[in-house]
């Protein structure tokens, strides 16, 4: 099966703080993939890197073959994220919330 997400040695430091430590995984087309862990494990930081919202310190990641650092616009076209908590504002339109 085709690999749709590939993460290799992805690492993120915030100053001296190590947030994600050389994580590697693959998600294949058709798989159901859960990204679970305790608070502070680096889940959100990893998702932020996969969606182009944060740049990795080291390592690489691709979404459908698009590099999340150098081809972020193309990669983002194929990613959807459902956060645990809603960050939508009732007083905003749908477009404003996006």
N, C-alpha and C. Protein backbone atom coordinates (compact mmCIF):
# COMPACT_ATOMS: atom_id res chain seq x y z
N UNK A 1 0.83 -1.20 0.00
CA UNK A 1 0.00 0.00 0.00
C UNK A 1 0.87 1.26 0.00
N UNK A 2 0.34 2.30 -0.59
CA UNK A 2 1.05 3.57 -0.70
C UNK A 2 1.20 4.24 0.67
N UNK A 3 2.38 4.77 0.94
CA UNK A 3 2.61 5.55 2.14
C UNK A 3 2.13 6.97 1.88
N UNK A 4 1.20 7.47 2.71
CA UNK A 4 0.67 8.81 2.51
C UNK A 4 1.29 9.83 3.46
N UNK A 5 1.76 9.37 4.61
CA UNK A 5 2.51 10.23 5.54
C UNK A 5 3.77 9.48 5.93
N UNK A 6 4.90 10.14 5.78
CA UNK A 6 6.17 9.55 6.18
C UNK A 6 6.91 10.56 7.06
N UNK A 7 7.24 10.14 8.27
CA UNK A 7 7.96 10.97 9.22
C UNK A 7 9.25 10.24 9.57
N UNK A 8 10.37 10.94 9.44
CA UNK A 8 11.67 10.32 9.68
C UNK A 8 12.53 11.19 10.58
N UNK A 9 12.78 10.69 11.79
CA UNK A 9 13.66 11.36 12.76
C UNK A 9 13.25 12.81 13.02
N UNK A 10 11.96 13.08 13.02
CA UNK A 10 11.46 14.43 13.24
C UNK A 10 11.76 14.87 14.67
N UNK A 11 12.37 16.04 14.79
CA UNK A 11 12.81 16.55 16.08
C UNK A 11 12.47 18.03 16.16
N UNK A 12 12.07 18.48 17.35
CA UNK A 12 11.78 19.89 17.54
C UNK A 12 12.29 20.34 18.90
N UNK A 13 13.11 21.37 18.88
CA UNK A 13 13.56 22.05 20.09
C UNK A 13 12.90 23.42 20.13
N UNK A 14 12.47 23.83 21.31
CA UNK A 14 12.08 25.21 21.59
C UNK A 14 13.16 25.74 22.51
N UNK A 15 14.13 26.46 21.96
CA UNK A 15 15.28 26.86 22.75
C UNK A 15 16.05 25.62 23.19
N UNK A 16 16.16 25.44 24.50
CA UNK A 16 16.85 24.27 25.06
C UNK A 16 15.89 23.11 25.35
N UNK A 17 14.60 23.34 25.17
CA UNK A 17 13.59 22.33 25.52
C UNK A 17 13.34 21.42 24.32
N UNK A 18 13.52 20.11 24.53
CA UNK A 18 13.25 19.12 23.50
C UNK A 18 11.77 18.75 23.55
N UNK A 19 11.04 19.10 22.49
CA UNK A 19 9.59 18.85 22.46
C UNK A 19 9.26 17.55 21.73
N UNK A 20 10.00 17.23 20.68
CA UNK A 20 9.81 16.00 19.90
C UNK A 20 11.19 15.42 19.64
N UNK A 21 11.36 14.14 19.98
CA UNK A 21 12.69 13.52 19.97
C UNK A 21 12.80 12.43 18.91
N UNK A 22 13.21 12.81 17.70
CA UNK A 22 13.52 11.87 16.62
C UNK A 22 12.40 10.84 16.38
N UNK A 23 11.18 11.31 16.23
CA UNK A 23 10.04 10.42 15.99
C UNK A 23 10.01 9.99 14.52
N UNK A 24 9.71 8.74 14.30
CA UNK A 24 9.57 8.20 12.94
C UNK A 24 8.33 7.32 12.87
N UNK A 25 7.55 7.47 11.81
CA UNK A 25 6.41 6.59 11.57
C UNK A 25 5.93 6.77 10.13
N UNK A 26 5.12 5.83 9.68
CA UNK A 26 4.49 5.91 8.36
C UNK A 26 3.01 5.59 8.50
N UNK A 27 2.22 6.25 7.69
CA UNK A 27 0.79 5.96 7.60
C UNK A 27 0.52 5.59 6.14
N UNK A 28 -0.09 4.44 5.95
CA UNK A 28 -0.39 3.96 4.60
C UNK A 28 -1.84 4.27 4.23
N UNK A 29 -2.07 4.42 2.96
CA UNK A 29 -3.42 4.71 2.45
C UNK A 29 -4.40 3.68 2.99
N UNK A 30 -5.52 4.16 3.52
CA UNK A 30 -6.57 3.28 4.03
C UNK A 30 -6.43 2.91 5.49
N UNK A 31 -5.29 3.20 6.10
CA UNK A 31 -5.10 2.89 7.52
C UNK A 31 -5.86 3.88 8.39
N UNK A 32 -6.27 3.41 9.54
CA UNK A 32 -6.79 4.29 10.59
C UNK A 32 -5.64 4.45 11.56
N UNK A 33 -5.24 5.69 11.79
CA UNK A 33 -4.05 5.98 12.57
C UNK A 33 -4.43 6.88 13.73
N UNK A 34 -4.13 6.46 14.94
CA UNK A 34 -4.36 7.28 16.13
C UNK A 34 -3.04 7.78 16.67
N UNK A 35 -3.00 9.04 17.02
CA UNK A 35 -1.79 9.67 17.55
C UNK A 35 -2.05 9.98 19.01
N UNK A 36 -1.68 9.07 19.89
CA UNK A 36 -2.04 9.14 21.30
C UNK A 36 -0.81 9.30 22.18
N UNK A 37 -1.02 9.90 23.35
CA UNK A 37 0.06 10.03 24.32
C UNK A 37 -0.34 11.00 25.41
N UNK A 38 0.42 11.02 26.50
CA UNK A 38 0.11 11.92 27.61
C UNK A 38 0.39 13.37 27.24
N UNK A 39 -0.14 14.28 28.05
CA UNK A 39 0.15 15.70 27.88
C UNK A 39 1.66 15.91 27.89
N UNK A 40 2.13 16.74 26.98
CA UNK A 40 3.56 17.04 26.93
C UNK A 40 4.39 16.05 26.14
N UNK A 41 3.75 15.07 25.51
CA UNK A 41 4.49 14.04 24.77
C UNK A 41 4.97 14.53 23.40
N UNK A 42 4.41 15.63 22.91
CA UNK A 42 4.82 16.16 21.61
C UNK A 42 3.84 15.92 20.48
N UNK A 43 2.62 15.48 20.82
CA UNK A 43 1.61 15.21 19.79
C UNK A 43 1.26 16.48 19.01
N UNK A 44 0.91 17.52 19.72
CA UNK A 44 0.51 18.76 19.07
C UNK A 44 1.67 19.35 18.28
N UNK A 45 2.85 19.32 18.83
CA UNK A 45 4.02 19.84 18.12
C UNK A 45 4.26 19.07 16.83
N UNK A 46 4.10 17.75 16.88
CA UNK A 46 4.27 16.93 15.68
C UNK A 46 3.22 17.29 14.63
N UNK A 47 1.97 17.43 15.04
CA UNK A 47 0.91 17.81 14.11
C UNK A 47 1.18 19.20 13.53
N UNK A 48 1.66 20.11 14.36
CA UNK A 48 2.00 21.46 13.87
C UNK A 48 3.09 21.39 12.81
N UNK A 49 4.05 20.50 12.99
CA UNK A 49 5.10 20.35 11.98
C UNK A 49 4.54 19.73 10.70
N UNK A 50 3.65 18.75 10.83
CA UNK A 50 3.06 18.11 9.66
C UNK A 50 2.16 19.05 8.86
N UNK A 51 1.61 20.05 9.51
CA UNK A 51 0.72 21.00 8.84
C UNK A 51 1.41 22.31 8.46
N UNK A 52 2.72 22.37 8.66
CA UNK A 52 3.47 23.55 8.26
C UNK A 52 3.38 24.72 9.20
N UNK A 53 2.80 24.52 10.38
CA UNK A 53 2.67 25.62 11.34
C UNK A 53 3.92 25.80 12.19
N UNK A 54 4.78 24.79 12.20
CA UNK A 54 6.04 24.85 12.95
C UNK A 54 7.09 24.11 12.14
N UNK A 55 8.28 24.64 12.10
CA UNK A 55 9.36 24.04 11.31
C UNK A 55 10.16 23.08 12.18
N UNK A 56 10.43 21.87 11.69
CA UNK A 56 11.24 20.92 12.47
C UNK A 56 12.66 21.45 12.66
N UNK A 57 13.26 21.10 13.79
CA UNK A 57 14.67 21.40 14.02
C UNK A 57 15.53 20.43 13.23
N UNK A 58 15.10 19.16 13.19
CA UNK A 58 15.81 18.12 12.44
C UNK A 58 14.78 17.16 11.86
N UNK A 59 15.23 16.32 10.94
CA UNK A 59 14.38 15.28 10.38
C UNK A 59 13.57 15.77 9.21
N UNK A 60 12.69 14.89 8.73
CA UNK A 60 11.88 15.22 7.57
C UNK A 60 10.50 14.58 7.68
N UNK A 61 9.57 15.14 6.92
CA UNK A 61 8.22 14.60 6.87
C UNK A 61 7.62 14.93 5.52
N UNK A 62 6.84 13.98 5.00
CA UNK A 62 6.14 14.20 3.75
C UNK A 62 4.68 13.79 3.89
N UNK A 63 3.83 14.48 3.15
CA UNK A 63 2.41 14.14 3.04
C UNK A 63 2.14 13.94 1.55
N UNK A 64 1.77 12.73 1.18
CA UNK A 64 1.58 12.35 -0.23
C UNK A 64 2.78 12.74 -1.08
N UNK A 65 3.96 12.60 -0.50
CA UNK A 65 5.20 12.89 -1.22
C UNK A 65 5.64 14.33 -1.16
N UNK A 66 4.81 15.23 -0.64
CA UNK A 66 5.16 16.64 -0.54
C UNK A 66 5.90 16.90 0.77
N UNK A 67 7.06 17.51 0.68
CA UNK A 67 7.85 17.85 1.86
C UNK A 67 7.13 18.94 2.65
N UNK A 68 6.93 18.73 3.95
CA UNK A 68 6.16 19.68 4.75
C UNK A 68 6.92 20.98 5.02
N UNK A 69 8.22 21.01 4.71
CA UNK A 69 8.98 22.25 4.87
C UNK A 69 9.09 23.03 3.56
N UNK A 70 9.36 22.33 2.48
CA UNK A 70 9.61 23.02 1.21
C UNK A 70 8.40 23.05 0.28
N UNK A 71 7.41 22.18 0.52
CA UNK A 71 6.21 22.14 -0.31
C UNK A 71 4.96 22.20 0.56
N UNK A 72 5.00 23.11 1.52
CA UNK A 72 3.97 23.16 2.56
C UNK A 72 2.58 23.43 1.99
N UNK A 73 2.47 24.28 0.99
CA UNK A 73 1.15 24.59 0.42
C UNK A 73 0.52 23.34 -0.19
N UNK A 74 1.30 22.58 -0.94
CA UNK A 74 0.79 21.35 -1.55
C UNK A 74 0.43 20.32 -0.48
N UNK A 75 1.29 20.18 0.53
CA UNK A 75 1.04 19.21 1.61
C UNK A 75 -0.24 19.56 2.37
N UNK A 76 -0.43 20.84 2.67
CA UNK A 76 -1.60 21.27 3.45
C UNK A 76 -2.92 21.01 2.73
N UNK A 77 -2.89 20.93 1.42
CA UNK A 77 -4.11 20.64 0.66
C UNK A 77 -4.66 19.25 0.95
N UNK A 78 -3.84 18.40 1.55
CA UNK A 78 -4.21 17.01 1.77
C UNK A 78 -4.32 16.65 3.26
N UNK A 79 -4.32 17.66 4.13
CA UNK A 79 -4.32 17.41 5.57
C UNK A 79 -5.54 18.06 6.20
N UNK A 80 -6.19 17.32 7.08
CA UNK A 80 -7.26 17.87 7.90
C UNK A 80 -7.00 17.48 9.34
N UNK A 81 -7.22 18.38 10.25
CA UNK A 81 -6.96 18.13 11.67
C UNK A 81 -8.22 18.43 12.46
N UNK A 82 -8.60 17.52 13.34
CA UNK A 82 -9.72 17.73 14.24
C UNK A 82 -9.14 17.83 15.65
N UNK A 83 -9.06 19.05 16.20
CA UNK A 83 -8.48 19.20 17.54
C UNK A 83 -9.43 18.71 18.63
N UNK A 84 -8.85 18.45 19.78
CA UNK A 84 -9.65 18.01 20.93
C UNK A 84 -10.63 19.08 21.36
N UNK A 85 -10.17 20.32 21.38
CA UNK A 85 -11.01 21.45 21.80
C UNK A 85 -11.29 22.34 20.60
N UNK A 86 -12.51 22.83 20.52
CA UNK A 86 -12.87 23.73 19.44
C UNK A 86 -12.29 25.11 19.70
N UNK A 87 -11.73 25.69 18.67
CA UNK A 87 -11.22 27.06 18.76
C UNK A 87 -12.03 27.99 17.88
N UNK A 88 -13.30 27.67 17.72
CA UNK A 88 -14.17 28.48 16.88
C UNK A 88 -14.86 29.56 17.72
N UNK A 89 -15.10 30.69 17.09
CA UNK A 89 -15.75 31.80 17.76
C UNK A 89 -17.14 31.99 17.18
N UNK A 90 -18.16 31.97 18.03
CA UNK A 90 -19.54 32.09 17.58
C UNK A 90 -19.81 33.38 16.83
N UNK A 91 -19.13 34.45 17.20
CA UNK A 91 -19.39 35.74 16.59
C UNK A 91 -18.71 35.89 15.22
N UNK A 92 -17.86 34.94 14.83
CA UNK A 92 -17.18 34.98 13.53
C UNK A 92 -17.97 34.17 12.50
N UNK A 93 -17.81 34.55 11.25
CA UNK A 93 -18.37 33.73 10.17
C UNK A 93 -17.51 32.47 10.01
N UNK A 94 -18.00 31.53 9.23
CA UNK A 94 -17.22 30.33 8.95
C UNK A 94 -15.89 30.71 8.32
N UNK A 95 -15.92 31.61 7.35
CA UNK A 95 -14.70 32.04 6.67
C UNK A 95 -13.73 32.70 7.64
N UNK A 96 -14.24 33.56 8.53
CA UNK A 96 -13.38 34.20 9.52
C UNK A 96 -12.73 33.18 10.45
N UNK A 97 -13.47 32.15 10.83
CA UNK A 97 -12.91 31.11 11.70
C UNK A 97 -11.80 30.32 11.01
N UNK A 98 -11.90 30.18 9.68
CA UNK A 98 -10.86 29.47 8.94
C UNK A 98 -9.62 30.30 8.85
